[in-house]
């Protein structure tokens, strides 16, 4: 892509996306600054659904298909319908008994 990822600024792009966008962040992420993501989402408006898995990191969160696969798929299905009327759904997932955590909404 010939892009310096350290200089990539997604904030202005996210603020202008016309469809529902899900940002799923690991609260223990040491690669991507969690506070910076929270700040970016707060500025993005109501088309962004932000949820955080407090005990997951940058590599462990994508591996949690066991816990998040169905809730994310359900969110996408609902977002496809809700986007037409200008609202975006929340992401609902059951309490993760293995890691003893709930998703936290914010942004």
PDB file of N, CA and C in Angstrom:
ATOM      1  N   UNK A   1       0.802  -1.197   0.000  1.00  0.00           N
ATOM      2  CA  UNK A   1       0.000   0.000   0.000  1.00  0.00           C
ATOM      3  C   UNK A   1       0.846   1.263   0.000  1.00  0.00           C
ATOM      4  N   UNK A   2       2.123   1.113   0.288  1.00  0.00           N
ATOM      5  CA  UNK A   2       3.032   2.258   0.336  1.00  0.00           C
ATOM      6  C   UNK A   2       2.519   3.329   1.299  1.00  0.00           C
ATOM      7  N   UNK A   3       2.083   2.874   2.485  1.00  0.00           N
ATOM      8  CA  UNK A   3       1.537   3.755   3.505  1.00  0.00           C
ATOM      9  C   UNK A   3       2.299   3.562   4.808  1.00  0.00           C
ATOM     10  N   UNK A   4       2.685   4.642   5.428  1.00  0.00           N
ATOM     11  CA  UNK A   4       3.318   4.580   6.739  1.00  0.00           C
ATOM     12  C   UNK A   4       2.206   4.485   7.777  1.00  0.00           C
ATOM     13  N   UNK A   5       1.999   3.301   8.332  1.00  0.00           N
ATOM     14  CA  UNK A   5       0.890   3.087   9.255  1.00  0.00           C
ATOM     15  C   UNK A   5       1.002   3.930  10.526  1.00  0.00           C
ATOM     16  N   UNK A   6       2.214   4.352  10.868  1.00  0.00           N
ATOM     17  CA  UNK A   6       2.380   5.215  12.043  1.00  0.00           C
ATOM     18  C   UNK A   6       1.791   6.600  11.802  1.00  0.00           C
ATOM     19  N   UNK A   7       1.655   6.983  10.554  1.00  0.00           N
ATOM     20  CA  UNK A   7       1.128   8.302  10.206  1.00  0.00           C
ATOM     21  C   UNK A   7      -0.335   8.264   9.772  1.00  0.00           C
ATOM     22  N   UNK A   8      -0.909   7.082   9.705  1.00  0.00           N
ATOM     23  CA  UNK A   8      -2.290   6.930   9.251  1.00  0.00           C
ATOM     24  C   UNK A   8      -3.257   7.493  10.301  1.00  0.00           C
ATOM     25  N   UNK A   9      -4.095   8.425   9.899  1.00  0.00           N
ATOM     26  CA  UNK A   9      -5.060   9.043  10.798  1.00  0.00           C
ATOM     27  C   UNK A   9      -6.460   8.619  10.368  1.00  0.00           C
ATOM     28  N   UNK A  10      -7.066   7.738  11.139  1.00  0.00           N
ATOM     29  CA  UNK A  10      -8.399   7.229  10.793  1.00  0.00           C
ATOM     30  C   UNK A  10      -9.528   8.103  11.335  1.00  0.00           C
ATOM     31  N   UNK A  11      -9.210   9.037  12.207  1.00  0.00           N
ATOM     32  CA  UNK A  11     -10.249   9.856  12.830  1.00  0.00           C
ATOM     33  C   UNK A  11     -11.115  10.621  11.819  1.00  0.00           C
ATOM     34  N   UNK A  12     -10.517  11.345  10.850  1.00  0.00           N
ATOM     35  CA  UNK A  12     -11.380  12.074   9.908  1.00  0.00           C
ATOM     36  C   UNK A  12     -12.209  11.142   9.024  1.00  0.00           C
ATOM     37  N   UNK A  13     -11.668   9.997   8.702  1.00  0.00           N
ATOM     38  CA  UNK A  13     -12.406   9.038   7.877  1.00  0.00           C
ATOM     39  C   UNK A  13     -13.588   8.492   8.657  1.00  0.00           C
ATOM     40  N   UNK A  14     -13.339   8.084   9.889  1.00  0.00           N
ATOM     41  CA  UNK A  14     -14.406   7.518  10.710  1.00  0.00           C
ATOM     42  C   UNK A  14     -15.536   8.518  10.930  1.00  0.00           C
ATOM     43  N   UNK A  15     -15.202   9.768  11.055  1.00  0.00           N
ATOM     44  CA  UNK A  15     -16.220  10.806  11.280  1.00  0.00           C
ATOM     45  C   UNK A  15     -17.144  10.993  10.077  1.00  0.00           C
ATOM     46  N   UNK A  16     -16.736  10.548   8.889  1.00  0.00           N
ATOM     47  CA  UNK A  16     -17.539  10.757   7.686  1.00  0.00           C
ATOM     48  C   UNK A  16     -18.132   9.476   7.102  1.00  0.00           C
ATOM     49  N   UNK A  17     -17.978   8.368   7.782  1.00  0.00           N
ATOM     50  CA  UNK A  17     -18.548   7.110   7.293  1.00  0.00           C
ATOM     51  C   UNK A  17     -20.068   7.181   7.426  1.00  0.00           C
ATOM     52  N   UNK A  18     -20.755   6.819   6.365  1.00  0.00           N
ATOM     53  CA  UNK A  18     -22.215   6.975   6.335  1.00  0.00           C
ATOM     54  C   UNK A  18     -22.972   5.739   6.821  1.00  0.00           C
ATOM     55  N   UNK A  19     -22.270   4.705   7.206  1.00  0.00           N
ATOM     56  CA  UNK A  19     -22.924   3.481   7.676  1.00  0.00           C
ATOM     57  C   UNK A  19     -22.497   3.206   9.107  1.00  0.00           C
ATOM     58  N   UNK A  20     -23.213   2.326   9.766  1.00  0.00           N
ATOM     59  CA  UNK A  20     -22.847   1.936  11.122  1.00  0.00           C
ATOM     60  C   UNK A  20     -21.477   1.261  11.109  1.00  0.00           C
ATOM     61  N   UNK A  21     -20.650   1.641  12.068  1.00  0.00           N
ATOM     62  CA  UNK A  21     -19.307   1.085  12.182  1.00  0.00           C
ATOM     63  C   UNK A  21     -19.129   0.544  13.586  1.00  0.00           C
ATOM     64  N   UNK A  22     -18.612  -0.665  13.690  1.00  0.00           N
ATOM     65  CA  UNK A  22     -18.345  -1.279  14.980  1.00  0.00           C
ATOM     66  C   UNK A  22     -16.858  -1.185  15.267  1.00  0.00           C
ATOM     67  N   UNK A  23     -16.516  -0.596  16.413  1.00  0.00           N
ATOM     68  CA  UNK A  23     -15.133  -0.560  16.875  1.00  0.00           C
ATOM     69  C   UNK A  23     -15.088  -1.416  18.133  1.00  0.00           C
ATOM     70  N   UNK A  24     -14.389  -2.514  18.043  1.00  0.00           N
ATOM     71  CA  UNK A  24     -14.250  -3.462  19.143  1.00  0.00           C
ATOM     72  C   UNK A  24     -12.805  -3.407  19.608  1.00  0.00           C
ATOM     73  N   UNK A  25     -12.592  -3.008  20.849  1.00  0.00           N
ATOM     74  CA  UNK A  25     -11.252  -2.734  21.369  1.00  0.00           C
ATOM     75  C   UNK A  25     -10.964  -3.614  22.576  1.00  0.00           C
ATOM     76  N   UNK A  26      -9.747  -4.110  22.646  1.00  0.00           N
ATOM     77  CA  UNK A  26      -9.291  -4.801  23.847  1.00  0.00           C
ATOM     78  C   UNK A  26      -8.824  -3.784  24.862  1.00  0.00           C
ATOM     79  N   UNK A  27      -9.372  -3.821  26.050  1.00  0.00           N
ATOM     80  CA  UNK A  27      -9.002  -2.876  27.090  1.00  0.00           C
ATOM     81  C   UNK A  27      -7.571  -3.036  27.573  1.00  0.00           C
ATOM     82  N   UNK A  28      -6.975  -4.194  27.312  1.00  0.00           N
ATOM     83  CA  UNK A  28      -5.588  -4.453  27.705  1.00  0.00           C
ATOM     84  C   UNK A  28      -4.659  -4.419  26.504  1.00  0.00           C
ATOM     85  N   UNK A  29      -5.084  -3.750  25.444  1.00  0.00           N
ATOM     86  CA  UNK A  29      -4.289  -3.645  24.213  1.00  0.00           C
ATOM     87  C   UNK A  29      -3.037  -2.811  24.490  1.00  0.00           C
ATOM     88  N   UNK A  30      -1.874  -3.369  24.207  1.00  0.00           N
ATOM     89  CA  UNK A  30      -0.620  -2.624  24.388  1.00  0.00           C
ATOM     90  C   UNK A  30      -0.052  -2.153  23.056  1.00  0.00           C
ATOM     91  N   UNK A  31      -0.694  -2.522  21.949  1.00  0.00           N
ATOM     92  CA  UNK A  31      -0.233  -2.103  20.631  1.00  0.00           C
ATOM     93  C   UNK A  31      -0.931  -0.822  20.170  1.00  0.00           C
ATOM     94  N   UNK A  32      -2.240  -0.750  20.395  1.00  0.00           N
ATOM     95  CA  UNK A  32      -3.037   0.412  20.015  1.00  0.00           C
ATOM     96  C   UNK A  32      -3.479   1.107  21.302  1.00  0.00           C
ATOM     97  N   UNK A  33      -3.201   2.394  21.417  1.00  0.00           N
ATOM     98  CA  UNK A  33      -3.530   3.162  22.616  1.00  0.00           C
ATOM     99  C   UNK A  33      -5.042   3.201  22.824  1.00  0.00           C
ATOM    100  N   UNK A  34      -5.506   2.588  23.897  1.00  0.00           N
ATOM    101  CA  UNK A  34      -6.931   2.480  24.184  1.00  0.00           C
ATOM    102  C   UNK A  34      -7.556   3.865  24.360  1.00  0.00           C
ATOM    103  N   UNK A  35      -6.872   4.760  25.052  1.00  0.00           N
ATOM    104  CA  UNK A  35      -7.421   6.108  25.253  1.00  0.00           C
ATOM    105  C   UNK A  35      -7.555   6.857  23.929  1.00  0.00           C
ATOM    106  N   UNK A  36      -6.618   6.656  23.014  1.00  0.00           N
ATOM    107  CA  UNK A  36      -6.697   7.309  21.706  1.00  0.00           C
ATOM    108  C   UNK A  36      -7.893   6.796  20.913  1.00  0.00           C
ATOM    109  N   UNK A  37      -8.169   5.497  21.008  1.00  0.00           N
ATOM    110  CA  UNK A  37      -9.331   4.928  20.310  1.00  0.00           C
ATOM    111  C   UNK A  37     -10.614   5.474  20.920  1.00  0.00           C
ATOM    112  N   UNK A  38     -10.676   5.525  22.237  1.00  0.00           N
ATOM    113  CA  UNK A  38     -11.865   6.083  22.898  1.00  0.00           C
ATOM    114  C   UNK A  38     -12.105   7.529  22.461  1.00  0.00           C
ATOM    115  N   UNK A  39     -11.041   8.305  22.406  1.00  0.00           N
ATOM    116  CA  UNK A  39     -11.143   9.703  21.995  1.00  0.00           C
ATOM    117  C   UNK A  39     -11.616   9.814  20.542  1.00  0.00           C
ATOM    118  N   UNK A  40     -11.055   8.998  19.670  1.00  0.00           N
ATOM    119  CA  UNK A  40     -11.441   9.006  18.266  1.00  0.00           C
ATOM    120  C   UNK A  40     -12.925   8.684  18.111  1.00  0.00           C
ATOM    121  N   UNK A  41     -13.388   7.673  18.829  1.00  0.00           N
ATOM    122  CA  UNK A  41     -14.790   7.262  18.739  1.00  0.00           C
ATOM    123  C   UNK A  41     -15.710   8.345  19.299  1.00  0.00           C
ATOM    124  N   UNK A  42     -15.298   9.000  20.369  1.00  0.00           N
ATOM    125  CA  UNK A  42     -16.116  10.055  20.958  1.00  0.00           C
ATOM    126  C   UNK A  42     -16.344  11.197  19.976  1.00  0.00           C
ATOM    127  N   UNK A  43     -15.383  11.433  19.100  1.00  0.00           N
ATOM    128  CA  UNK A  43     -15.501  12.506  18.112  1.00  0.00           C
ATOM    129  C   UNK A  43     -16.225  12.060  16.837  1.00  0.00           C
ATOM    130  N   UNK A  44     -16.473  10.769  16.707  1.00  0.00           N
ATOM    131  CA  UNK A  44     -16.987  10.221  15.454  1.00  0.00           C
ATOM    132  C   UNK A  44     -18.487  10.366  15.274  1.00  0.00           C
ATOM    133  N   UNK A  45     -19.218  10.570  16.327  1.00  0.00           N
ATOM    134  CA  UNK A  45     -20.663  10.721  16.189  1.00  0.00           C
ATOM    135  C   UNK A  45     -21.409   9.431  16.454  1.00  0.00           C
ATOM    136  N   UNK A  46     -22.706   9.458  16.157  1.00  0.00           N
ATOM    137  CA  UNK A  46     -23.578   8.340  16.529  1.00  0.00           C
ATOM    138  C   UNK A  46     -23.588   7.183  15.542  1.00  0.00           C
ATOM    139  N   UNK A  47     -22.780   7.223  14.502  1.00  0.00           N
ATOM    140  CA  UNK A  47     -22.728   6.115  13.540  1.00  0.00           C
ATOM    141  C   UNK A  47     -21.712   5.059  13.956  1.00  0.00           C
ATOM    142  N   UNK A  48     -21.087   5.250  15.120  1.00  0.00           N
ATOM    143  CA  UNK A  48     -20.054   4.328  15.593  1.00  0.00           C
ATOM    144  C   UNK A  48     -20.509   3.679  16.890  1.00  0.00           C
ATOM    145  N   UNK A  49     -20.438   2.359  16.918  1.00  0.00           N
ATOM    146  CA  UNK A  49     -20.702   1.601  18.134  1.00  0.00           C
ATOM    147  C   UNK A  49     -19.344   1.155  18.669  1.00  0.00           C
ATOM    148  N   UNK A  50     -19.029   1.569  19.872  1.00  0.00           N
ATOM    149  CA  UNK A  50     -17.744   1.222  20.498  1.00  0.00           C
ATOM    150  C   UNK A  50     -17.990   0.294  21.676  1.00  0.00           C
ATOM    151  N   UNK A  51     -17.299  -0.815  21.690  1.00  0.00           N
ATOM    152  CA  UNK A  51     -17.336  -1.710  22.837  1.00  0.00           C
ATOM    153  C   UNK A  51     -15.919  -2.161  23.150  1.00  0.00           C
ATOM    154  N   UNK A  52     -15.711  -2.405  24.416  1.00  0.00           N
ATOM    155  CA  UNK A  52     -14.382  -2.758  24.886  1.00  0.00           C
ATOM    156  C   UNK A  52     -14.467  -4.038  25.713  1.00  0.00           C
ATOM    157  N   UNK A  53     -13.562  -4.940  25.432  1.00  0.00           N
ATOM    158  CA  UNK A  53     -13.411  -6.147  26.236  1.00  0.00           C
ATOM    159  C   UNK A  53     -12.224  -5.904  27.161  1.00  0.00           C
ATOM    160  N   UNK A  54     -12.471  -5.590  28.435  1.00  0.00           N
ATOM    161  CA  UNK A  54     -11.437  -5.084  29.322  1.00  0.00           C
ATOM    162  C   UNK A  54     -10.215  -5.989  29.485  1.00  0.00           C
ATOM    163  N   UNK A  55     -10.399  -7.275  29.425  1.00  0.00           N
ATOM    164  CA  UNK A  55      -9.288  -8.190  29.699  1.00  0.00           C
ATOM    165  C   UNK A  55      -8.610  -8.721  28.444  1.00  0.00           C
ATOM    166  N   UNK A  56      -8.991  -8.214  27.280  1.00  0.00           N
ATOM    167  CA  UNK A  56      -8.407  -8.701  26.032  1.00  0.00           C
ATOM    168  C   UNK A  56      -7.383  -7.721  25.488  1.00  0.00           C
ATOM    169  N   UNK A  57      -6.421  -8.270  24.752  1.00  0.00           N
ATOM    170  CA  UNK A  57      -5.397  -7.465  24.117  1.00  0.00           C
ATOM    171  C   UNK A  57      -5.567  -7.461  22.609  1.00  0.00           C
ATOM    172  N   UNK A  58      -4.578  -6.910  21.935  1.00  0.00           N
ATOM    173  CA  UNK A  58      -4.634  -6.756  20.485  1.00  0.00           C
ATOM    174  C   UNK A  58      -4.687  -8.110  19.767  1.00  0.00           C
ATOM    175  N   UNK A  59      -4.014  -9.090  20.305  1.00  0.00           N
ATOM    176  CA  UNK A  59      -3.979 -10.409  19.664  1.00  0.00           C
ATOM    177  C   UNK A  59      -5.021 -11.362  20.227  1.00  0.00           C
ATOM    178  N   UNK A  60      -5.382 -11.215  21.486  1.00  0.00           N
ATOM    179  CA  UNK A  60      -6.342 -12.164  22.068  1.00  0.00           C
ATOM    180  C   UNK A  60      -7.780 -11.858  21.670  1.00  0.00           C
ATOM    181  N   UNK A  61      -8.108 -10.578  21.469  1.00  0.00           N
ATOM    182  CA  UNK A  61      -9.496 -10.225  21.143  1.00  0.00           C
ATOM    183  C   UNK A  61      -9.988 -10.880  19.845  1.00  0.00           C
ATOM    184  N   UNK A  62      -9.234 -10.816  18.748  1.00  0.00           N
ATOM    185  CA  UNK A  62      -9.728 -11.475  17.528  1.00  0.00           C
ATOM    186  C   UNK A  62      -9.862 -12.991  17.664  1.00  0.00           C
ATOM    187  N   UNK A  63      -9.149 -13.563  18.614  1.00  0.00           N
ATOM    188  CA  UNK A  63      -9.232 -15.012  18.816  1.00  0.00           C
ATOM    189  C   UNK A  63     -10.462 -15.421  19.622  1.00  0.00           C
ATOM    190  N   UNK A  64     -11.223 -14.461  20.135  1.00  0.00           N
ATOM    191  CA  UNK A  64     -12.370 -14.770  20.979  1.00  0.00           C
ATOM    192  C   UNK A  64     -13.646 -14.995  20.166  1.00  0.00           C
ATOM    193  N   UNK A  65     -13.521 -15.690  19.071  1.00  0.00           N
ATOM    194  CA  UNK A  65     -14.675 -16.023  18.233  1.00  0.00           C
ATOM    195  C   UNK A  65     -15.688 -16.830  19.036  1.00  0.00           C
ATOM    196  N   UNK A  66     -15.214 -17.631  19.972  1.00  0.00           N
ATOM    197  CA  UNK A  66     -16.113 -18.424  20.805  1.00  0.00           C
ATOM    198  C   UNK A  66     -17.109 -17.550  21.561  1.00  0.00           C
ATOM    199  N   UNK A  67     -16.689 -16.400  21.968  1.00  0.00           N
ATOM    200  CA  UNK A  67     -17.499 -15.506  22.779  1.00  0.00           C
ATOM    201  C   UNK A  67     -18.173 -14.419  21.946  1.00  0.00           C
ATOM    202  N   UNK A  68     -17.469 -13.915  20.933  1.00  0.00           N
ATOM    203  CA  UNK A  68     -17.949 -12.748  20.201  1.00  0.00           C
ATOM    204  C   UNK A  68     -18.479 -13.030  18.794  1.00  0.00           C
ATOM    205  N   UNK A  69     -18.246 -14.224  18.268  1.00  0.00           N
ATOM    206  CA  UNK A  69     -18.649 -14.522  16.896  1.00  0.00           C
ATOM    207  C   UNK A  69     -20.122 -14.268  16.626  1.00  0.00           C
ATOM    208  N   UNK A  70     -20.982 -14.855  17.412  1.00  0.00           N
ATOM    209  CA  UNK A  70     -22.427 -14.687  17.195  1.00  0.00           C
ATOM    210  C   UNK A  70     -22.878 -13.264  17.493  1.00  0.00           C
ATOM    211  N   UNK A  71     -22.457 -12.656  18.602  1.00  0.00           N
ATOM    212  CA  UNK A  71     -22.885 -11.267  18.840  1.00  0.00           C
ATOM    213  C   UNK A  71     -22.456 -10.303  17.736  1.00  0.00           C
ATOM    214  N   UNK A  72     -21.255 -10.478  17.194  1.00  0.00           N
ATOM    215  CA  UNK A  72     -20.807  -9.593  16.109  1.00  0.00           C
ATOM    216  C   UNK A  72     -21.629  -9.851  14.849  1.00  0.00           C
ATOM    217  N   UNK A  73     -21.881 -11.115  14.532  1.00  0.00           N
ATOM    218  CA  UNK A  73     -22.707 -11.436  13.365  1.00  0.00           C
ATOM    219  C   UNK A  73     -24.114 -10.863  13.527  1.00  0.00           C
ATOM    220  N   UNK A  74     -24.677 -10.960  14.730  1.00  0.00           N
ATOM    221  CA  UNK A  74     -26.001 -10.393  14.994  1.00  0.00           C
ATOM    222  C   UNK A  74     -25.972  -8.870  14.842  1.00  0.00           C
ATOM    223  N   UNK A  75     -24.875  -8.234  15.309  1.00  0.00           N
ATOM    224  CA  UNK A  75     -24.748  -6.783  15.186  1.00  0.00           C
ATOM    225  C   UNK A  75     -24.744  -6.378  13.709  1.00  0.00           C
ATOM    226  N   UNK A  76     -23.985  -7.095  12.893  1.00  0.00           N
ATOM    227  CA  UNK A  76     -23.912  -6.776  11.462  1.00  0.00           C
ATOM    228  C   UNK A  76     -25.291  -6.908  10.825  1.00  0.00           C
ATOM    229  N   UNK A  77     -25.998  -7.996  11.122  1.00  0.00           N
ATOM    230  CA  UNK A  77     -27.342  -8.178  10.572  1.00  0.00           C
ATOM    231  C   UNK A  77     -28.263  -7.026  10.976  1.00  0.00           C
ATOM    232  N   UNK A  78     -28.226  -6.646  12.236  1.00  0.00           N
ATOM    233  CA  UNK A  78     -29.086  -5.569  12.721  1.00  0.00           C
ATOM    234  C   UNK A  78     -28.645  -4.223  12.145  1.00  0.00           C
ATOM    235  N   UNK A  79     -27.346  -4.000  12.034  1.00  0.00           N
ATOM    236  CA  UNK A  79     -26.837  -2.731  11.492  1.00  0.00           C
ATOM    237  C   UNK A  79     -27.249  -2.549  10.041  1.00  0.00           C
ATOM    238  N   UNK A  80     -27.297  -3.628   9.286  1.00  0.00           N
ATOM    239  CA  UNK A  80     -27.715  -3.521   7.887  1.00  0.00           C
ATOM    240  C   UNK A  80     -29.134  -2.985   7.787  1.00  0.00           C
ATOM    241  N   UNK A  81     -29.997  -3.404   8.676  1.00  0.00           N
ATOM    242  CA  UNK A  81     -31.371  -2.915   8.671  1.00  0.00           C
ATOM    243  C   UNK A  81     -31.496  -1.557   9.320  1.00  0.00           C
ATOM    244  N   UNK A  82     -30.826  -1.356  10.447  1.00  0.00           N
ATOM    245  CA  UNK A  82     -30.956  -0.108  11.196  1.00  0.00           C
ATOM    246  C   UNK A  82     -30.319   1.067  10.477  1.00  0.00           C
ATOM    247  N   UNK A  83     -29.290   0.822   9.667  1.00  0.00           N
ATOM    248  CA  UNK A  83     -28.616   1.914   8.964  1.00  0.00           C
ATOM    249  C   UNK A  83     -29.586   2.677   8.079  1.00  0.00           C
ATOM    250  N   UNK A  84     -30.588   1.990   7.590  1.00  0.00           N
ATOM    251  CA  UNK A  84     -31.545   2.638   6.694  1.00  0.00           C
ATOM    252  C   UNK A  84     -32.390   3.682   7.419  1.00  0.00           C
ATOM    253  N   UNK A  85     -32.601   3.472   8.729  1.00  0.00           N
ATOM    254  CA  UNK A  85     -33.424   4.448   9.460  1.00  0.00           C
ATOM    255  C   UNK A  85     -32.579   5.365  10.343  1.00  0.00           C
ATOM    256  N   UNK A  86     -31.265   5.345  10.152  1.00  0.00           N
ATOM    257  CA  UNK A  86     -30.392   6.301  10.820  1.00  0.00           C
ATOM    258  C   UNK A  86     -29.935   5.943  12.220  1.00  0.00           C
ATOM    259  N   UNK A  87     -30.220   4.733  12.670  1.00  0.00           N
ATOM    260  CA  UNK A  87     -29.758   4.319  13.991  1.00  0.00           C
ATOM    261  C   UNK A  87     -28.793   3.141  13.865  1.00  0.00           C
ATOM    262  N   UNK A  88     -27.953   3.003  14.865  1.00  0.00           N
ATOM    263  CA  UNK A  88     -27.004   1.896  14.886  1.00  0.00           C
ATOM    264  C   UNK A  88     -27.227   1.075  16.150  1.00  0.00           C
ATOM    265  N   UNK A  89     -27.127  -0.230  16.040  1.00  0.00           N
ATOM    266  CA  UNK A  89     -27.408  -1.085  17.197  1.00  0.00           C
ATOM    267  C   UNK A  89     -26.256  -1.105  18.202  1.00  0.00           C
ATOM    268  N   UNK A  90     -26.570  -1.568  19.386  1.00  0.00           N
ATOM    269  CA  UNK A  90     -25.524  -1.836  20.368  1.00  0.00           C
ATOM    270  C   UNK A  90     -25.090  -3.291  20.181  1.00  0.00           C
ATOM    271  N   UNK A  91     -23.940  -3.619  20.709  1.00  0.00           N
ATOM    272  CA  UNK A  91     -23.438  -4.997  20.637  1.00  0.00           C
ATOM    273  C   UNK A  91     -23.733  -5.664  21.963  1.00  0.00           C
ATOM    274  N   UNK A  92     -24.427  -6.764  21.906  1.00  0.00           N
ATOM    275  CA  UNK A  92     -24.771  -7.489  23.121  1.00  0.00           C
ATOM    276  C   UNK A  92     -24.073  -8.847  23.107  1.00  0.00           C
ATOM    277  N   UNK A  93     -23.378  -9.142  24.185  1.00  0.00           N
ATOM    278  CA  UNK A  93     -22.713 -10.431  24.320  1.00  0.00           C
ATOM    279  C   UNK A  93     -22.929 -10.920  25.744  1.00  0.00           C
ATOM    280  N   UNK A  94     -23.078 -12.226  25.917  1.00  0.00           N
ATOM    281  CA  UNK A  94     -23.244 -12.740  27.276  1.00  0.00           C
ATOM    282  C   UNK A  94     -21.961 -12.543  28.085  1.00  0.00           C
ATOM    283  N   UNK A  95     -22.097 -12.569  29.379  1.00  0.00           N
ATOM    284  CA  UNK A  95     -20.918 -12.501  30.252  1.00  0.00           C
ATOM    285  C   UNK A  95     -19.961 -13.622  29.857  1.00  0.00           C
ATOM    286  N   UNK A  96     -18.703 -13.271  29.741  1.00  0.00           N
ATOM    287  CA  UNK A  96     -17.672 -14.246  29.399  1.00  0.00           C
ATOM    288  C   UNK A  96     -17.224 -14.941  30.682  1.00  0.00           C
ATOM    289  N   UNK A  97     -17.691 -16.140  30.871  1.00  0.00           N
ATOM    290  CA  UNK A  97     -17.383 -16.856  32.110  1.00  0.00           C
ATOM    291  C   UNK A  97     -15.912 -17.256  32.193  1.00  0.00           C
ATOM    292  N   UNK A  98     -15.295 -17.562  31.064  1.00  0.00           N
ATOM    293  CA  UNK A  98     -13.885 -17.959  31.061  1.00  0.00           C
ATOM    294  C   UNK A  98     -12.997 -16.836  31.577  1.00  0.00           C
ATOM    295  N   UNK A  99     -13.213 -15.620  31.077  1.00  0.00           N
ATOM    296  CA  UNK A  99     -12.374 -14.483  31.479  1.00  0.00           C
ATOM    297  C   UNK A  99     -13.055 -13.592  32.510  1.00  0.00           C
ATOM    298  N   UNK A 100     -14.276 -13.954  32.904  1.00  0.00           N
ATOM    299  CA  UNK A 100     -15.027 -13.194  33.899  1.00  0.00           C
ATOM    300  C   UNK A 100     -15.087 -11.707  33.567  1.00  0.00           C
ATOM    301  N   UNK A 101     -15.654 -11.443  32.389  1.00  0.00           N
ATOM    302  CA  UNK A 101     -15.778 -10.054  31.969  1.00  0.00           C
ATOM    303  C   UNK A 101     -17.047  -9.846  31.159  1.00  0.00           C
ATOM    304  N   UNK A 102     -17.486  -8.622  31.144  1.00  0.00           N
ATOM    305  CA  UNK A 102     -18.570  -8.158  30.292  1.00  0.00           C
ATOM    306  C   UNK A 102     -18.000  -7.148  29.320  1.00  0.00           C
ATOM    307  N   UNK A 103     -18.661  -6.985  28.193  1.00  0.00           N
ATOM    308  CA  UNK A 103     -18.266  -5.906  27.284  1.00  0.00           C
ATOM    309  C   UNK A 103     -18.695  -4.592  27.919  1.00  0.00           C
ATOM    310  N   UNK A 104     -17.907  -3.568  27.670  1.00  0.00           N
ATOM    311  CA  UNK A 104     -18.225  -2.235  28.167  1.00  0.00           C
ATOM    312  C   UNK A 104     -18.473  -1.335  26.973  1.00  0.00           C
ATOM    313  N   UNK A 105     -19.586  -0.641  27.009  1.00  0.00           N
ATOM    314  CA  UNK A 105     -19.912   0.305  25.943  1.00  0.00           C
ATOM    315  C   UNK A 105     -19.364   1.664  26.293  1.00  0.00           C
ATOM    316  N   UNK A 106     -19.088   2.424  25.273  1.00  0.00           N
ATOM    317  CA  UNK A 106     -18.592   3.768  25.505  1.00  0.00           C
ATOM    318  C   UNK A 106     -18.490   4.525  24.203  1.00  0.00           C
ATOM    319  N   UNK A 107     -17.926   5.698  24.275  1.00  0.00           N
ATOM    320  CA  UNK A 107     -17.703   6.487  23.061  1.00  0.00           C
ATOM    321  C   UNK A 107     -18.803   7.434  22.761  1.00  0.00           C
TER     322      UNK A 107
END
